[in-house]
């Protein structure tokens, strides 16, 4: 399994499987490339999948983010991957954070190499605006951002600590409780909070339970989302390529109305509604997801 040397000389892990038409898969926050495997295995005889582990996750877990704008950081890494493998006329798939990264990539010439695009449950503008209420968590965004700020305040005095599991127990328990609430709210999965809280008592398990455990990364991601600088609505349609949009109709993170703007601007387009899914249609309706992924690929 190869690694690709990024422009800052750090080795990023890229999982490659299959043969044929190249497909670049960009995972969501807290995920890793191995989690794509159950969904892409039926298609590896005709498609070659390139699946990076973003910095801080999976086999790229030791890689540090090197700039305050996490979206720009990931987009630059994707540019380096495209150039390294000389990907041309490839299919691009982005889910959640990976979808934001794909939209960010539209600002670079590398996006001209994309032949078709699959966008999975992500808003084109994360921060709410006077003319936009479809950002992260919609009209309840201020409540979610209050939890973000609470988390930042808890870990602020511990600049000399690298990971959650290194925090003093009372602080670790408090931080993990807030983080569990955040992820439960974002993903709509009540079990997450209980698993997170359990890990606070067993720090050796924490890196396996909480993917985002480096304190510096937590600060960068929370601040990036709260800053709300990234509004990709103006660049939608700059590249007219076949686009498929998958929407979790029960998603607490991003309202379907906000996501549909992508299909309106990027043509030709097709919208696939997952009526029983929240933000994770891969898990909520896996059979339908595999079927629709196949339709996109073929």
Protein backbone atom coordinates (compact mmCIF):
# COMPACT_ATOMS: atom_id res chain seq x y z
CA UNK A 1 0.00 0.00 0.00
CA UNK A 2 1.71 3.21 -1.14
CA UNK A 3 2.26 6.46 0.62
CA UNK A 4 2.45 9.73 -1.25
CA UNK A 5 4.85 12.47 -0.17
CA UNK A 6 2.94 15.69 0.32
CA UNK A 7 4.36 19.14 -0.42
CA UNK A 8 5.42 19.48 3.24
CA UNK A 9 7.35 16.19 2.89
CA UNK A 10 4.96 14.18 5.06
CA UNK A 11 3.91 10.71 3.79
CA UNK A 12 0.14 10.39 3.33
CA UNK A 13 -1.31 6.86 3.12
CA UNK A 14 -3.40 6.03 0.04
CA UNK A 15 -5.20 2.69 -0.18
CA UNK A 16 -5.48 1.42 -3.78
CA UNK A 17 -7.63 -1.49 -4.89
CA UNK A 18 -9.17 -2.66 -8.17
CA UNK A 19 -8.48 -2.14 -11.86
CA UNK A 20 -9.87 -0.01 -14.63
CA UNK A 21 -11.52 3.43 -14.45
CA UNK A 22 -9.89 5.49 -11.62
CA UNK A 23 -12.12 6.65 -8.76
CA UNK A 24 -10.86 8.95 -5.99
CA UNK A 25 -12.79 8.50 -2.71
CA UNK A 26 -12.63 11.19 0.02
CA UNK A 27 -13.90 10.13 3.44
CA UNK A 28 -15.67 12.08 6.17
CA UNK A 29 -14.45 13.49 9.48
CA UNK A 30 -13.42 10.72 11.87
CA UNK A 31 -13.40 8.06 9.15
CA UNK A 32 -10.60 6.24 7.36
CA UNK A 33 -10.22 4.69 3.93
CA UNK A 34 -10.81 1.11 5.10
CA UNK A 35 -14.43 2.01 5.84
CA UNK A 36 -15.09 2.37 2.10
CA UNK A 37 -14.16 -1.28 1.46
CA UNK A 38 -17.54 -2.99 2.04
CA UNK A 39 -19.14 -0.61 -0.44
CA UNK A 40 -16.56 -0.66 -3.24
CA UNK A 41 -15.63 -4.37 -3.29
CA UNK A 42 -18.46 -5.32 -5.71
CA UNK A 43 -16.93 -2.95 -8.29
CA UNK A 44 -13.17 -3.60 -8.13
CA UNK A 45 -13.07 -5.66 -11.33
CA UNK A 46 -13.83 -2.60 -13.43
CA UNK A 47 -12.82 0.36 -11.26
CA UNK A 48 -9.55 1.28 -9.57
CA UNK A 49 -10.21 3.03 -6.26
CA UNK A 50 -7.75 5.51 -4.74
CA UNK A 51 -8.72 6.06 -1.10
CA UNK A 52 -6.51 8.35 1.00
CA UNK A 53 -6.52 8.50 4.77
CA UNK A 54 -6.73 12.20 5.58
CA UNK A 55 -4.15 13.66 7.94
CA UNK A 56 -4.82 12.55 11.51
CA UNK A 57 -6.91 9.50 10.55
CA UNK A 58 -6.32 5.84 9.77
CA UNK A 59 -2.78 5.07 8.63
CA UNK A 60 -2.13 8.80 8.25
CA UNK A 61 -2.94 9.30 11.93
CA UNK A 62 0.54 10.55 12.78
CA UNK A 63 0.47 13.29 10.12
CA UNK A 64 -0.06 16.77 11.47
CA UNK A 65 -2.23 19.41 9.89
CA UNK A 66 0.16 22.16 8.85
CA UNK A 67 -2.08 25.20 8.42
CA UNK A 68 -5.10 26.72 10.19
CA UNK A 69 -7.46 26.17 7.24
CA UNK A 70 -8.16 22.43 7.39
CA UNK A 71 -10.18 22.51 4.15
CA UNK A 72 -7.30 24.08 2.22
CA UNK A 73 -4.91 21.60 3.85
CA UNK A 74 -6.91 18.58 2.69
CA UNK A 75 -7.52 20.07 -0.77
CA UNK A 76 -3.78 20.58 -1.24
CA UNK A 77 -3.17 16.97 -0.23
CA UNK A 78 -5.75 15.82 -2.80
CA UNK A 79 -4.02 17.92 -5.45
CA UNK A 80 -0.73 16.22 -4.59
CA UNK A 81 -2.39 12.78 -4.86
CA UNK A 82 -3.88 13.63 -8.27
CA UNK A 83 -0.49 14.79 -9.54
CA UNK A 84 1.42 11.87 -8.03
CA UNK A 85 -0.73 9.22 -9.72
CA UNK A 86 -1.33 11.46 -12.76
CA UNK A 87 -5.07 10.85 -12.45
CA UNK A 88 -7.01 11.92 -15.54
CA UNK A 89 -10.71 11.66 -16.36
CA UNK A 90 -11.27 10.19 -12.91
CA UNK A 91 -14.47 9.93 -10.90
CA UNK A 92 -14.52 11.87 -7.62
CA UNK A 93 -16.52 10.85 -4.53
CA UNK A 94 -16.75 13.09 -1.46
CA UNK A 95 -18.64 12.39 1.75
CA UNK A 96 -19.14 15.06 4.46
CA UNK A 97 -15.65 16.52 5.12
CA UNK A 98 -14.53 14.82 1.90
CA UNK A 99 -17.35 16.58 0.04
CA UNK A 100 -16.28 19.96 1.43
CA UNK A 101 -12.74 19.12 0.31
CA UNK A 102 -14.05 18.25 -3.17
CA UNK A 103 -15.90 21.58 -3.39
CA UNK A 104 -12.76 23.36 -2.22
CA UNK A 105 -10.84 21.54 -4.95
CA UNK A 106 -12.99 23.31 -7.56
CA UNK A 107 -10.81 26.36 -7.00
CA UNK A 108 -7.79 24.50 -8.42
CA UNK A 109 -7.01 23.46 -12.01
CA UNK A 110 -6.89 19.79 -10.92
CA UNK A 111 -10.68 19.75 -10.84
CA UNK A 112 -10.62 19.92 -14.65
CA UNK A 113 -9.47 16.28 -14.56
CA UNK A 114 -12.69 15.16 -12.85
CA UNK A 115 -15.03 13.31 -15.22
CA UNK A 116 -18.00 12.93 -12.87
CA UNK A 117 -18.68 13.76 -9.22
CA UNK A 118 -20.62 12.11 -6.38
CA UNK A 119 -21.46 14.46 -3.48
CA UNK A 120 -22.73 12.85 -0.26
CA UNK A 121 -24.62 14.84 2.43
CA UNK A 122 -22.78 18.13 2.73
CA UNK A 123 -23.80 21.79 2.47
CA UNK A 124 -22.06 24.12 -0.02
CA UNK A 125 -21.85 26.70 2.79
CA UNK A 126 -21.15 25.51 6.35
CA UNK A 127 -21.59 28.82 8.16
CA UNK A 128 -24.99 30.52 8.26
CA UNK A 129 -25.37 33.92 6.61
CA UNK A 130 -28.12 36.57 6.46
CA UNK A 131 -29.19 34.92 3.19
CA UNK A 132 -28.41 31.34 4.23
CA UNK A 133 -29.86 29.19 7.03
CA UNK A 134 -28.76 25.83 5.65
CA UNK A 135 -25.30 25.63 7.20
CA UNK A 136 -24.10 23.13 9.78
CA UNK A 137 -27.07 22.17 12.01
CA UNK A 138 -29.28 24.74 10.32
CA UNK A 139 -31.18 27.15 12.54
CA UNK A 140 -29.70 25.47 15.64
CA UNK A 141 -26.16 26.31 14.56
CA UNK A 142 -25.54 28.76 17.42
CA UNK A 143 -26.37 26.02 19.94
CA UNK A 144 -23.90 23.62 18.34
CA UNK A 145 -21.22 26.30 18.13
CA UNK A 146 -21.72 27.01 21.84
CA UNK A 147 -20.77 23.38 22.49
CA UNK A 148 -17.74 23.83 20.21
CA UNK A 149 -16.65 26.85 22.26
CA UNK A 150 -17.23 24.97 25.51
CA UNK A 151 -14.90 22.22 24.27
CA UNK A 152 -12.26 24.76 23.27
CA UNK A 153 -12.47 26.41 26.71
CA UNK A 154 -12.00 23.07 28.48
CA UNK A 155 -8.80 22.16 26.62
CA UNK A 156 -7.41 25.73 26.37
CA UNK A 157 -5.18 25.50 29.50
CA UNK A 158 -3.50 22.32 28.26
CA UNK A 159 -1.29 23.50 25.40
CA UNK A 160 1.45 21.11 26.55
CA UNK A 161 -0.77 18.03 26.18
CA UNK A 162 -0.90 16.31 22.78
CA UNK A 163 -3.89 13.99 23.15
CA UNK A 164 -7.21 13.75 24.99
CA UNK A 165 -6.04 10.64 26.83
CA UNK A 166 -3.16 12.64 28.37
CA UNK A 167 -5.45 15.10 30.11
CA UNK A 168 -5.97 14.82 33.90
CA UNK A 169 -8.89 12.50 34.58
CA UNK A 170 -11.45 15.13 35.71
CA UNK A 171 -10.66 17.30 32.67
CA UNK A 172 -10.58 14.29 30.34
CA UNK A 173 -13.99 13.18 31.55
CA UNK A 174 -15.43 16.65 31.07
CA UNK A 175 -13.91 17.05 27.59
CA UNK A 176 -15.04 13.63 26.40
CA UNK A 177 -18.58 14.26 27.67
CA UNK A 178 -18.83 17.47 25.62
CA UNK A 179 -17.23 15.83 22.59
CA UNK A 180 -19.68 12.94 22.87
CA UNK A 181 -22.60 15.37 22.96
CA UNK A 182 -21.26 17.12 19.86
CA UNK A 183 -20.90 13.93 17.82
CA UNK A 184 -24.24 12.58 19.03
CA UNK A 185 -25.88 15.82 17.86
CA UNK A 186 -24.04 15.82 14.54
CA UNK A 187 -24.60 12.17 13.65
CA UNK A 188 -27.87 11.48 15.44
CA UNK A 189 -26.44 8.33 17.05
CA UNK A 190 -27.19 8.15 20.79
CA UNK A 191 -24.74 5.30 21.35
CA UNK A 192 -21.77 7.54 20.52
CA UNK A 193 -22.04 9.57 23.73
CA UNK A 194 -22.07 6.45 25.92
CA UNK A 195 -19.08 4.89 24.15
CA UNK A 196 -17.15 8.16 24.41
CA UNK A 197 -17.90 8.47 28.13
CA UNK A 198 -16.79 4.88 28.70
CA UNK A 199 -13.46 5.60 27.00
CA UNK A 200 -12.75 8.42 29.47
CA UNK A 201 -12.28 5.75 32.16
CA UNK A 202 -9.95 3.68 29.94
CA UNK A 203 -7.58 6.09 28.17
CA UNK A 204 -5.74 3.22 26.48
CA UNK A 205 -8.90 2.61 24.44
CA UNK A 206 -9.54 6.26 23.65
CA UNK A 207 -7.53 6.48 20.38
CA UNK A 208 -9.53 3.49 19.07
CA UNK A 209 -12.88 4.98 20.10
CA UNK A 210 -12.39 8.68 19.36
CA UNK A 211 -10.77 9.21 15.96
CA UNK A 212 -10.29 12.93 16.62
CA UNK A 213 -8.17 12.74 19.78
CA UNK A 214 -5.21 15.06 19.06
CA UNK A 215 -5.93 18.32 20.90
CA UNK A 216 -4.34 20.47 18.19
CA UNK A 217 -6.60 18.86 15.55
CA UNK A 218 -9.69 19.35 17.70
CA UNK A 219 -8.86 23.06 18.00
CA UNK A 220 -8.25 23.42 14.27
CA UNK A 221 -11.46 21.67 13.18
CA UNK A 222 -13.74 23.39 15.69
CA UNK A 223 -12.31 26.81 14.87
CA UNK A 224 -12.52 26.14 11.13
CA UNK A 225 -16.22 25.26 11.31
CA UNK A 226 -17.02 28.14 13.64
CA UNK A 227 -15.17 30.65 11.42
CA UNK A 228 -17.55 29.75 8.58
CA UNK A 229 -15.32 31.30 5.93
CA UNK A 230 -16.03 28.71 3.26
CA UNK A 231 -18.96 29.48 0.99
CA UNK A 232 -18.73 27.48 -2.22
CA UNK A 233 -22.03 28.62 -3.72
CA UNK A 234 -20.37 31.12 -6.05
CA UNK A 235 -18.07 28.55 -7.66
CA UNK A 236 -20.74 25.89 -8.17
CA UNK A 237 -21.26 25.44 -11.88
CA UNK A 238 -17.79 26.69 -12.75
CA UNK A 239 -17.18 23.10 -13.86
CA UNK A 240 -20.09 21.49 -15.68
CA UNK A 241 -19.70 17.75 -15.13
CA UNK A 242 -22.22 14.97 -14.45
CA UNK A 243 -23.00 15.20 -10.73
CA UNK A 244 -24.88 12.85 -8.43
CA UNK A 245 -26.11 14.19 -5.10
CA UNK A 246 -26.93 11.80 -2.24
CA UNK A 247 -28.99 13.35 0.57
CA UNK A 248 -29.85 11.83 3.94
CA UNK A 249 -33.38 13.20 4.31
CA UNK A 250 -33.27 12.80 8.10
CA UNK A 251 -29.84 14.42 8.41
CA UNK A 252 -29.65 16.74 11.44
CA UNK A 253 -26.51 18.35 10.03
CA UNK A 254 -27.54 19.67 6.64
CA UNK A 255 -31.05 20.41 5.39
CA UNK A 256 -31.92 18.92 2.00
CA UNK A 257 -32.92 22.35 0.62
CA UNK A 258 -29.41 23.67 1.10
CA UNK A 259 -27.81 20.66 -0.51
CA UNK A 260 -30.07 20.78 -3.58
CA UNK A 261 -28.41 24.00 -4.70
CA UNK A 262 -25.44 21.87 -5.77
CA UNK A 263 -27.65 19.89 -8.16
CA UNK A 264 -29.16 23.12 -9.50
CA UNK A 265 -25.77 24.64 -10.30
CA UNK A 266 -23.78 21.57 -11.40
CA UNK A 267 -25.30 20.05 -14.54
CA UNK A 268 -26.24 17.49 -15.62
CA UNK A 269 -27.22 16.30 -12.15
CA UNK A 270 -29.21 13.62 -10.40
CA UNK A 271 -30.50 13.68 -6.80
CA UNK A 272 -30.82 10.48 -4.78
CA UNK A 273 -32.87 10.82 -1.59
CA UNK A 274 -32.23 8.43 1.29
CA UNK A 275 -35.54 8.74 3.11
CA UNK A 276 -34.51 6.66 6.16
CA UNK A 277 -31.01 8.10 6.52
CA UNK A 278 -29.45 10.78 8.65
CA UNK A 279 -25.95 12.08 7.91
CA UNK A 280 -24.66 8.52 7.34
CA UNK A 281 -26.56 6.95 4.42
CA UNK A 282 -23.68 4.48 4.08
CA UNK A 283 -24.66 2.98 7.44
CA UNK A 284 -28.37 3.79 7.57
CA UNK A 285 -29.25 2.32 4.17
CA UNK A 286 -26.17 0.34 3.07
CA UNK A 287 -27.88 -1.82 0.44
CA UNK A 288 -29.37 1.21 -1.28
CA UNK A 289 -26.06 3.04 -0.99
CA UNK A 290 -24.19 0.23 -2.77
CA UNK A 291 -26.85 0.09 -5.46
CA UNK A 292 -26.73 3.85 -6.04
CA UNK A 293 -22.93 3.90 -5.94
CA UNK A 294 -23.05 1.31 -8.73
CA UNK A 295 -25.42 3.50 -10.75
CA UNK A 296 -23.03 6.43 -10.33
CA UNK A 297 -20.01 4.38 -11.39
CA UNK A 298 -21.69 2.77 -14.39
